[in-house]
Protein backbone atom coordinates (compact mmCIF):
# COMPACT_ATOMS: atom_id res chain seq x y z
CA UNK A 1 25.99 3.35 18.24
CA UNK A 2 25.31 -0.20 18.84
CA UNK A 3 22.44 -1.41 16.64
CA UNK A 4 18.95 -1.32 18.02
CA UNK A 5 18.05 -4.70 18.56
CA UNK A 6 14.61 -5.99 16.31
CA UNK A 7 11.25 -6.21 18.21
CA UNK A 8 10.61 -9.91 19.82
CA UNK A 9 8.24 -11.34 17.17
CA UNK A 10 4.78 -12.13 18.46
CA UNK A 11 3.91 -15.50 19.65
CA UNK A 12 1.78 -16.97 17.06
CA UNK A 13 -2.29 -17.49 17.79
CA UNK A 14 -3.08 -20.45 19.32
CA UNK A 15 -4.61 -23.14 16.98
CA UNK A 16 -8.06 -24.44 17.24
CA UNK A 17 -9.24 -27.79 15.90
CA UNK A 18 -13.04 -28.70 15.34
CA UNK A 19 -13.42 -32.46 14.82
CA UNK A 20 -16.39 -33.05 12.85
CA UNK A 21 -18.28 -36.78 13.38
CA UNK A 22 -20.61 -38.99 12.45
CA UNK A 23 -21.32 -40.64 15.68
CA UNK A 24 -23.35 -43.53 16.43
CA UNK A 25 -25.22 -46.06 18.58
CA UNK A 26 -21.47 -47.48 19.52
CA UNK A 27 -19.81 -45.89 21.96
CA UNK A 28 -16.67 -47.79 21.57
CA UNK A 29 -16.38 -47.16 17.80
CA UNK A 30 -17.02 -43.29 18.77
CA UNK A 31 -14.15 -43.32 20.66
CA UNK A 32 -12.08 -44.81 18.30
CA UNK A 33 -12.75 -41.97 16.04
CA UNK A 34 -12.49 -39.55 18.78
CA UNK A 35 -8.76 -40.47 19.47
CA UNK A 36 -7.73 -40.72 16.16
CA UNK A 37 -8.98 -37.32 15.38
CA UNK A 38 -7.22 -35.99 18.61
CA UNK A 39 -4.11 -37.32 17.75
CA UNK A 40 -4.38 -35.71 14.29
CA UNK A 41 -5.51 -32.38 15.90
CA UNK A 42 -2.06 -32.27 17.87
CA UNK A 43 -0.33 -33.37 15.22
CA UNK A 44 -1.29 -30.73 13.28
CA UNK A 45 -0.45 -28.09 16.46
CA UNK A 46 -3.85 -27.92 17.66
CA UNK A 47 -4.17 -26.53 21.65
CA UNK A 48 -7.26 -27.52 21.81
CA UNK A 49 -9.79 -30.13 20.01
CA UNK A 50 -13.59 -29.43 19.91
CA UNK A 51 -15.99 -32.59 19.53
CA UNK A 52 -19.26 -32.07 18.39
CA UNK A 53 -22.54 -32.81 20.84
CA UNK A 54 -23.45 -36.03 21.82
CA UNK A 55 -19.73 -37.41 20.08
CA UNK A 56 -20.04 -40.36 22.27
CA UNK A 57 -23.08 -41.68 21.43
CA UNK A 58 -25.93 -40.67 19.42
CA UNK A 59 -28.73 -42.47 19.70
CA UNK A 60 -32.49 -41.79 19.55
CA UNK A 61 -33.94 -44.54 20.48
CA UNK A 62 -33.89 -43.73 23.84
CA UNK A 63 -34.32 -47.73 25.25
CA UNK A 64 -31.73 -48.99 23.40
CA UNK A 65 -29.07 -45.93 24.68
CA UNK A 66 -30.46 -46.62 28.12
CA UNK A 67 -27.90 -49.48 28.67
CA UNK A 68 -25.09 -47.12 27.96
CA UNK A 69 -25.85 -43.84 30.09
CA UNK A 70 -25.09 -43.60 33.46
CA UNK A 71 -24.62 -40.97 36.51
CA UNK A 72 -20.96 -39.31 35.42
CA UNK A 73 -19.31 -40.71 38.86
CA UNK A 74 -20.35 -43.94 36.84
CA UNK A 75 -19.64 -43.56 33.56
CA UNK A 76 -16.17 -44.65 31.78
CA UNK A 77 -16.51 -41.38 29.25
CA UNK A 78 -15.35 -38.36 30.98
CA UNK A 79 -12.20 -40.82 31.99
CA UNK A 80 -11.85 -42.31 28.44
CA UNK A 81 -11.27 -38.32 26.91
CA UNK A 82 -9.39 -37.60 30.28
CA UNK A 83 -6.67 -39.83 28.89
CA UNK A 84 -6.72 -39.24 25.68
CA UNK A 85 -6.33 -35.28 26.58
CA UNK A 86 -3.22 -36.71 28.76
CA UNK A 87 -1.76 -38.77 25.80
CA UNK A 88 -1.56 -36.46 23.19
CA UNK A 89 -1.01 -33.27 25.80
CA UNK A 90 -3.61 -31.41 24.02
CA UNK A 91 -7.20 -29.58 25.63
CA UNK A 92 -10.54 -31.24 24.93
CA UNK A 93 -13.83 -30.04 24.64
CA UNK A 94 -16.14 -33.09 24.83
CA UNK A 95 -18.84 -31.67 22.92
CA UNK A 96 -21.22 -33.00 24.83
CA UNK A 97 -22.39 -36.47 26.12
CA UNK A 98 -25.53 -38.00 27.11
CA UNK A 99 -25.56 -38.95 31.12
CA UNK A 100 -28.21 -39.32 33.94
CA UNK A 101 -28.63 -36.66 36.11
CA UNK A 102 -27.34 -36.99 39.89
CA UNK A 103 -30.14 -37.62 41.25
CA UNK A 104 -31.03 -40.74 39.21
CA UNK A 105 -33.77 -39.04 37.32
CA UNK A 106 -33.88 -37.89 34.07
CA UNK A 107 -30.85 -37.52 31.65
CA UNK A 108 -28.51 -34.21 31.20
CA UNK A 109 -26.91 -33.27 28.13
CA UNK A 110 -23.04 -32.78 29.57
CA UNK A 111 -19.96 -30.76 28.10
CA UNK A 112 -16.68 -30.85 29.39
CA UNK A 113 -13.30 -28.99 28.93
CA UNK A 114 -10.37 -31.23 29.86
CA UNK A 115 -6.99 -29.81 30.47
CA UNK A 116 -4.00 -31.34 28.50
CA UNK A 117 -2.76 -32.71 32.12
CA UNK A 118 -6.39 -34.41 31.82
CA UNK A 119 -8.21 -32.78 35.19
CA UNK A 120 -11.87 -31.45 34.26
CA UNK A 121 -11.90 -27.72 34.30
CA UNK A 122 -15.44 -27.34 33.85
CA UNK A 123 -18.91 -28.74 33.26
CA UNK A 124 -22.23 -27.35 31.54
CA UNK A 125 -25.45 -28.95 31.20
CA UNK A 126 -27.35 -27.89 28.21
CA UNK A 127 -29.78 -25.12 29.27
CA UNK A 128 -32.49 -25.11 26.43
CA UNK A 129 -34.02 -28.23 25.06
CA UNK A 130 -34.78 -28.88 21.64
CA UNK A 131 -38.95 -29.54 21.75
CA UNK A 132 -40.17 -28.25 18.30
CA UNK A 133 -42.45 -29.65 15.44
CA UNK A 134 -40.32 -28.74 12.25
CA UNK A 135 -42.21 -27.95 8.81
CA UNK A 136 -40.19 -30.98 7.42
CA UNK A 137 -42.74 -32.82 9.54
CA UNK A 138 -39.87 -34.05 12.34
CA UNK A 139 -40.48 -33.89 15.60
CA UNK A 140 -38.12 -33.20 18.39
CA UNK A 141 -39.51 -33.57 22.62
CA UNK A 142 -36.09 -33.47 24.11
CA UNK A 143 -37.81 -32.51 27.62
CA UNK A 144 -39.61 -36.15 27.64
CA UNK A 145 -36.06 -37.31 28.56
CA UNK A 146 -33.42 -34.64 29.31
CA UNK A 147 -33.62 -31.98 32.37
CA UNK A 148 -32.47 -28.45 31.05
CA UNK A 149 -29.28 -26.95 33.13
CA UNK A 150 -29.76 -23.69 35.75
CA UNK A 151 -26.29 -22.66 35.49
CA UNK A 152 -23.17 -20.57 33.14
CA UNK A 153 -19.94 -22.15 33.18
CA UNK A 154 -17.10 -19.94 31.68
CA UNK A 155 -13.30 -21.31 31.70
CA UNK A 156 -9.71 -20.01 31.25
CA UNK A 157 -8.47 -22.02 28.24
CA UNK A 158 -4.97 -21.90 25.87
CA UNK A 159 -7.39 -19.99 23.41
CA UNK A 160 -8.56 -17.69 25.91
CA UNK A 161 -11.89 -17.66 28.48
CA UNK A 162 -14.03 -20.17 26.79
CA UNK A 163 -17.95 -19.90 27.90
CA UNK A 164 -19.72 -22.76 27.30
CA UNK A 165 -23.31 -23.69 25.44
CA UNK A 166 -24.78 -26.58 23.12
CA UNK A 167 -26.69 -26.55 20.34
CA UNK A 168 -30.34 -25.37 20.36
CA UNK A 169 -28.70 -22.59 23.16
CA UNK A 170 -27.55 -21.27 19.86
CA UNK A 171 -31.24 -19.44 19.28
CA UNK A 172 -30.89 -17.90 22.63
CA UNK A 173 -29.16 -14.93 22.12
CA UNK A 174 -29.46 -13.72 26.33
CA UNK A 175 -26.97 -16.19 26.92
CA UNK A 176 -24.71 -15.72 24.86
CA UNK A 177 -24.53 -11.95 26.52
CA UNK A 178 -24.30 -13.48 29.64
CA UNK A 179 -21.79 -15.43 29.07
CA UNK A 180 -19.59 -12.47 27.89
CA UNK A 181 -20.85 -10.69 30.87
CA UNK A 182 -18.66 -13.18 32.81
CA UNK A 183 -15.48 -12.56 30.80
CA UNK A 184 -16.27 -14.95 27.39
CA UNK A 185 -13.82 -14.43 24.83
CA UNK A 186 -14.43 -17.30 22.53
CA UNK A 187 -17.80 -19.69 23.02
CA UNK A 188 -18.09 -23.22 22.16
CA UNK A 189 -21.09 -24.36 20.03
CA UNK A 190 -21.46 -27.82 19.83
CA UNK A 191 -24.00 -29.16 17.89
CA UNK A 192 -26.02 -32.09 15.96
CA UNK A 193 -28.26 -29.73 13.99
CA UNK A 194 -31.22 -30.98 11.88
CA UNK A 195 -30.54 -30.71 7.67
CA UNK A 196 -33.55 -28.32 7.36
CA UNK A 197 -32.58 -26.02 10.14
CA UNK A 198 -28.79 -26.03 9.43
CA UNK A 199 -29.89 -25.58 5.79
CA UNK A 200 -32.32 -22.41 6.71
CA UNK A 201 -30.08 -20.98 10.10
CA UNK A 202 -26.81 -22.61 11.07
CA UNK A 203 -24.44 -20.43 9.44
CA UNK A 204 -26.39 -16.69 9.90
CA UNK A 205 -26.68 -17.53 13.69
CA UNK A 206 -23.12 -18.35 14.09
CA UNK A 207 -22.13 -15.07 12.59
CA UNK A 208 -25.06 -13.45 14.33
CA UNK A 209 -23.86 -14.60 17.90
CA UNK A 210 -19.80 -14.23 16.91
CA UNK A 211 -20.90 -10.47 15.60
CA UNK A 212 -22.92 -9.30 18.73
CA UNK A 213 -20.69 -10.51 21.55
CA UNK A 214 -17.48 -9.88 19.96
CA UNK A 215 -16.41 -13.38 20.64
CA UNK A 216 -14.91 -16.36 18.53
CA UNK A 217 -17.72 -18.74 17.77
CA UNK A 218 -16.19 -22.55 17.72
CA UNK A 219 -19.11 -24.96 16.35
CA UNK A 220 -18.02 -28.76 15.63
CA UNK A 221 -21.18 -30.48 14.62
CA UNK A 222 -22.35 -34.16 13.77
CA UNK A 223 -22.71 -35.08 9.99
CA UNK A 224 -24.59 -36.94 7.71
CA UNK A 225 -26.52 -40.02 7.92
CA UNK A 226 -26.23 -41.76 11.76
CA UNK A 227 -27.01 -45.22 12.82
CA UNK A 228 -30.44 -44.46 14.73
CA UNK A 229 -31.73 -43.04 11.14
CA UNK A 230 -31.14 -39.13 11.71
CA UNK A 231 -29.48 -36.95 9.57
CA UNK A 232 -27.22 -33.97 10.43
CA UNK A 233 -26.21 -31.23 8.53
CA UNK A 234 -22.41 -30.83 9.29
CA UNK A 235 -20.66 -27.80 8.13
CA UNK A 236 -18.71 -27.51 11.31
CA UNK A 237 -17.52 -23.79 11.32
CA UNK A 238 -15.12 -21.18 13.07
CA UNK A 239 -16.04 -17.44 13.19
CA UNK A 240 -14.12 -14.37 14.24
CA UNK A 241 -15.70 -11.64 16.52
CA UNK A 242 -16.20 -9.80 13.23
CA UNK A 243 -18.63 -12.51 11.54
CA UNK A 244 -16.01 -14.28 9.56
CA UNK A 245 -15.76 -17.45 8.78
CA UNK A 246 -12.54 -18.53 9.53
CA UNK A 247 -12.49 -22.19 8.68
CA UNK A 248 -15.47 -25.00 7.77
CA UNK A 249 -15.22 -29.08 7.64
CA UNK A 250 -14.37 -29.68 3.73
CA UNK A 251 -16.82 -32.68 3.99
CA UNK A 252 -19.26 -30.22 4.69
CA UNK A 253 -22.40 -32.92 4.95
CA UNK A 254 -20.28 -35.91 6.23
CA UNK A 255 -17.50 -37.18 8.55
CA UNK A 256 -14.64 -37.25 6.28
CA UNK A 257 -12.68 -39.94 4.29
CA UNK A 258 -10.77 -40.99 7.77
CA UNK A 259 -14.31 -41.28 9.47
CA UNK A 260 -13.80 -37.56 10.83
CA UNK A 261 -12.68 -34.20 9.65
CA UNK A 262 -10.74 -31.31 11.01
CA UNK A 263 -11.50 -27.75 10.09
CA UNK A 264 -8.48 -25.62 11.66
CA UNK A 265 -7.88 -21.87 12.72
CA UNK A 266 -6.39 -19.96 15.05
CA UNK A 267 -8.13 -17.62 17.79
CA UNK A 268 -6.35 -14.66 17.55
CA UNK A 269 -6.69 -12.94 21.34
CA UNK A 270 -6.22 -9.05 19.23
CA UNK A 271 -9.24 -10.04 17.14
CA UNK A 272 -11.33 -9.95 19.80
CA UNK A 273 -10.03 -6.33 21.35
CA UNK A 274 -10.42 -4.80 18.08
CA UNK A 275 -14.02 -5.83 17.04
CA UNK A 276 -15.22 -4.85 20.40
CA UNK A 277 -13.13 -0.67 20.28
CA UNK A 278 -15.01 -1.22 16.95
CA UNK A 279 -18.47 -1.90 17.71
CA UNK A 280 -17.98 -1.01 21.62
CA UNK A 281 -21.58 -2.65 22.53
CA UNK A 282 -20.81 -2.84 26.48
CA UNK A 283 -20.75 1.16 26.66
CA UNK A 284 -23.47 1.52 24.03
CA UNK A 285 -25.87 -0.97 25.49
CA UNK A 286 -29.28 0.66 27.28
CA UNK A 287 -32.44 -0.39 28.55
CA UNK A 288 -34.91 2.29 28.22
CA UNK A 289 -38.64 1.81 29.26
CA UNK A 290 -40.62 3.01 25.96
CA UNK A 291 -44.14 4.25 26.74
CA UNK A 292 -46.54 3.46 23.41
């Protein structure tokens, strides 16, 4: 009898790369850092690179930043990222960028998912506006300049079916449940968390969203002290569907010696299956009216 041939080896899980940055007020300089980081991610075998919120321009001075911000059709930034994706044959999640709304009124905080061939596969406008006064004394009124989005976005990628969210969205679990209902297997959370809220809530919220959805959570973050004077928490993180951190930026609170930091981890689709079989939330969920 001929020997039984060995079973074929399973293909390795595709790698996600988080790019941690300290983006500033000069889009050209930010693009230089982005291309270096994306090239590094591609060289390390990543299938997809994730940028942080406001990767192209982080500037809270609305008058100064206005010179750079246009409608998407007139902005050079999406095309610049499309060219980078093509040059390095890698999918890119833009994190987000500030653009004018199509009606030319307020701004939008928009993510793009760009395929390795350069096409834009998905867009998402941040839904929840960061209008808060923190115990630290920081005051943020994002809605004074930005309009919130009104739609969800889920897209097929080399890592699986990706749901899109941005920063403050993280605090609204109903958004993540809606993404799962549309088939999300992992969710991007690009962010520019403040230091005080990051220290208190960043890790626990990311782990909670992973556990309650059975999704990988992929969260690229801004880090350090920025040219506009703000400070961000960093700690870019990938969490598996069981809530276990898989990778965290080594330069936790800064961009890293190269002007960026990379954190890489495999996105194993079987981990999603195992987590959802172990805790079958979709089957168990019910809505009941309770008379008190």
